[in-house]
Protein backbone atom coordinates (compact mmCIF):
# COMPACT_ATOMS: atom_id res chain seq x y z
CA UNK A 1 2.43 1.14 23.75
CA UNK A 2 5.54 2.22 25.82
CA UNK A 3 6.89 -1.34 24.22
CA UNK A 4 6.82 0.00 20.99
CA UNK A 5 9.42 3.33 21.92
CA UNK A 6 11.54 1.05 24.42
CA UNK A 7 12.29 -0.78 21.16
CA UNK A 8 13.24 2.29 19.88
CA UNK A 9 15.23 3.19 21.50
CA UNK A 10 17.25 0.05 22.05
CA UNK A 11 16.90 -0.02 18.29
CA UNK A 12 18.56 3.36 17.47
CA UNK A 13 22.08 2.79 16.47
CA UNK A 14 20.88 -0.22 14.53
CA UNK A 15 18.30 2.16 12.70
CA UNK A 16 20.68 4.10 11.78
CA UNK A 17 24.26 1.99 10.90
CA UNK A 18 21.40 0.39 8.79
CA UNK A 19 20.59 3.48 7.24
CA UNK A 20 23.59 4.51 6.54
CA UNK A 21 23.98 1.11 4.34
CA UNK A 22 21.00 0.86 2.84
CA UNK A 23 21.94 4.98 1.58
CA UNK A 24 25.79 3.20 0.66
CA UNK A 25 24.00 0.86 -0.89
CA UNK A 26 21.96 2.96 -3.29
CA UNK A 27 24.73 5.16 -3.79
CA UNK A 28 27.02 2.66 -5.02
CA UNK A 29 24.04 0.51 -6.84
CA UNK A 30 25.59 -1.15 -9.46
CA UNK A 31 22.33 -4.19 -10.49
CA UNK A 32 22.59 -7.20 -10.92
CA UNK A 33 25.21 -8.65 -13.86
CA UNK A 34 24.23 -10.43 -17.25
CA UNK A 35 25.31 -14.48 -15.24
CA UNK A 36 22.89 -13.71 -12.05
CA UNK A 37 19.98 -13.29 -14.23
CA UNK A 38 20.52 -15.72 -16.77
CA UNK A 39 21.39 -18.31 -13.90
CA UNK A 40 18.27 -17.42 -11.94
CA UNK A 41 16.28 -17.16 -15.34
CA UNK A 42 17.48 -21.09 -16.35
CA UNK A 43 15.66 -23.44 -15.24
CA UNK A 44 16.49 -27.21 -16.24
CA UNK A 45 14.19 -29.05 -18.00
CA UNK A 46 14.02 -32.73 -17.74
CA UNK A 47 15.37 -34.74 -20.26
CA UNK A 48 13.19 -37.19 -22.39
CA UNK A 49 10.61 -37.03 -25.29
CA UNK A 50 10.05 -32.79 -26.50
CA UNK A 51 7.16 -32.14 -28.62
CA UNK A 52 8.47 -28.98 -30.79
CA UNK A 53 5.23 -25.86 -30.33
CA UNK A 54 7.27 -22.87 -31.23
CA UNK A 55 9.95 -21.41 -33.34
CA UNK A 56 12.52 -20.98 -30.59
CA UNK A 57 12.65 -24.22 -28.55
CA UNK A 58 15.85 -24.03 -27.03
CA UNK A 59 15.58 -22.85 -23.05
CA UNK A 60 18.94 -21.83 -23.57
CA UNK A 61 17.71 -19.82 -26.88
CA UNK A 62 14.41 -18.40 -24.07
CA UNK A 63 17.09 -16.54 -22.15
CA UNK A 64 19.05 -15.47 -24.23
CA UNK A 65 16.59 -13.69 -26.24
CA UNK A 66 15.26 -12.57 -22.44
CA UNK A 67 18.00 -11.63 -19.55
CA UNK A 68 18.05 -7.86 -21.20
CA UNK A 69 14.37 -6.89 -20.07
CA UNK A 70 14.84 -9.65 -17.40
CA UNK A 71 17.68 -7.99 -15.89
CA UNK A 72 17.16 -4.30 -16.47
CA UNK A 73 13.43 -5.02 -14.50
CA UNK A 74 14.96 -7.04 -12.34
CA UNK A 75 17.43 -3.81 -11.39
CA UNK A 76 14.49 -1.75 -11.48
CA UNK A 77 12.61 -4.13 -8.58
CA UNK A 78 15.21 -4.55 -6.98
CA UNK A 79 16.65 -0.23 -6.34
CA UNK A 80 12.77 0.47 -5.92
CA UNK A 81 12.76 -1.87 -2.93
CA UNK A 82 15.97 -0.62 -1.59
CA UNK A 83 15.01 3.05 -2.29
CA UNK A 84 11.46 2.44 0.31
CA UNK A 85 12.82 0.28 2.95
CA UNK A 86 15.37 3.85 3.08
CA UNK A 87 12.18 5.86 2.69
CA UNK A 88 10.17 4.20 5.91
CA UNK A 89 13.36 4.03 7.96
CA UNK A 90 14.38 6.97 7.26
CA UNK A 91 10.40 8.99 7.68
CA UNK A 92 10.91 6.12 10.64
CA UNK A 93 14.08 8.14 11.94
CA UNK A 94 13.20 11.77 11.46
CA UNK A 95 9.83 11.19 13.81
CA UNK A 96 11.83 9.30 16.49
CA UNK A 97 14.21 12.11 16.80
CA UNK A 98 12.21 14.96 16.46
CA UNK A 99 9.62 13.28 18.73
CA UNK A 100 12.83 13.34 21.16
CA UNK A 101 13.58 17.17 20.78
CA UNK A 102 10.19 17.91 21.11
CA UNK A 103 9.99 16.71 24.41
CA UNK A 104 8.68 19.94 27.60
CA UNK A 105 10.44 21.04 30.72
CA UNK A 106 14.08 19.79 30.06
CA UNK A 107 13.70 16.21 29.19
CA UNK A 108 14.70 16.78 25.59
CA UNK A 109 18.16 17.46 26.57
CA UNK A 110 18.04 14.01 28.71
CA UNK A 111 16.29 12.02 26.35
CA UNK A 112 18.80 13.04 23.65
CA UNK A 113 22.01 12.62 25.33
CA UNK A 114 20.56 8.99 25.65
CA UNK A 115 19.92 8.33 22.88
CA UNK A 116 20.48 10.31 20.42
CA UNK A 117 24.41 10.34 21.83
CA UNK A 118 24.59 7.68 23.15
CA UNK A 119 25.52 8.36 26.69
CA UNK A 120 25.35 6.46 30.09
CA UNK A 121 22.44 7.38 32.81
CA UNK A 122 26.20 8.60 35.14
CA UNK A 123 27.44 11.00 31.99
CA UNK A 124 23.92 12.34 32.26
CA UNK A 125 23.33 12.90 35.29
CA UNK A 126 26.81 14.57 35.66
CA UNK A 127 25.88 16.69 32.66
CA UNK A 128 22.73 17.84 33.90
CA UNK A 129 23.58 18.06 37.50
CA UNK A 130 21.28 15.64 38.51
CA UNK A 131 20.92 11.61 40.09
CA UNK A 132 20.41 9.07 38.65
CA UNK A 133 17.45 8.61 39.92
CA UNK A 134 16.78 12.03 38.71
CA UNK A 135 17.55 11.25 35.05
CA UNK A 136 15.30 7.61 35.62
CA UNK A 137 12.04 9.45 36.19
CA UNK A 138 12.76 12.35 33.57
CA UNK A 139 13.30 8.97 30.94
CA UNK A 140 9.32 7.29 32.47
CA UNK A 141 8.34 10.34 32.17
CA UNK A 142 9.54 11.39 28.83
CA UNK A 143 8.30 7.62 27.37
CA UNK A 144 4.68 8.46 29.03
CA UNK A 145 5.01 11.69 26.36
CA UNK A 146 6.75 9.83 23.76
CA UNK A 147 3.47 7.31 23.90
CA UNK A 148 0.95 10.35 23.61
CA UNK A 149 3.32 11.48 19.99
CA UNK A 150 2.90 8.63 18.85
CA UNK A 151 -0.85 7.62 19.90
CA UNK A 152 -1.13 10.54 18.10
CA UNK A 153 0.24 10.13 14.98
CA UNK A 154 -0.80 6.41 14.83
CA UNK A 155 -4.33 8.56 14.87
CA UNK A 156 -3.38 10.94 12.31
CA UNK A 157 -2.31 8.26 10.26
CA UNK A 158 -5.19 6.17 10.50
CA UNK A 159 -7.52 9.38 10.00
CA UNK A 160 -6.15 9.55 6.74
CA UNK A 161 -6.17 5.73 5.23
CA UNK A 162 -9.62 6.10 6.62
CA UNK A 163 -10.64 8.95 4.11
């Protein structure tokens, strides 16, 4: 499981940037334009003889009749997708950050400095008056504790899903 924690630690800066970008996208959401929707609805038909089976045989006329409804539906689905993605990312980051802050015995300070504050090992060692080796030991112990926290989190989620 520590591979999962390592990935979270390595991807944390990228995840926070993605969170800000998604929040900005939602705050400034404009949706698709009518032209974009019409182009997405247009499917070329083969030239040749056609048999008229309904009152509206022209594809352009069908698009004109349906585009506003289709545009509203597509925009709602897109907005919902972005919102769901942001909510999942917020939940993941929130649990990760709270897990780091809840580490025992001074491990929280070291790990928060390393991950959240993006400090180097040397800077953390100097700040906490310890050697780089001690920073490494604390990081390794922290990964073990974080593994346990995530295992408990996953167990709780599994119990909920199975109940």
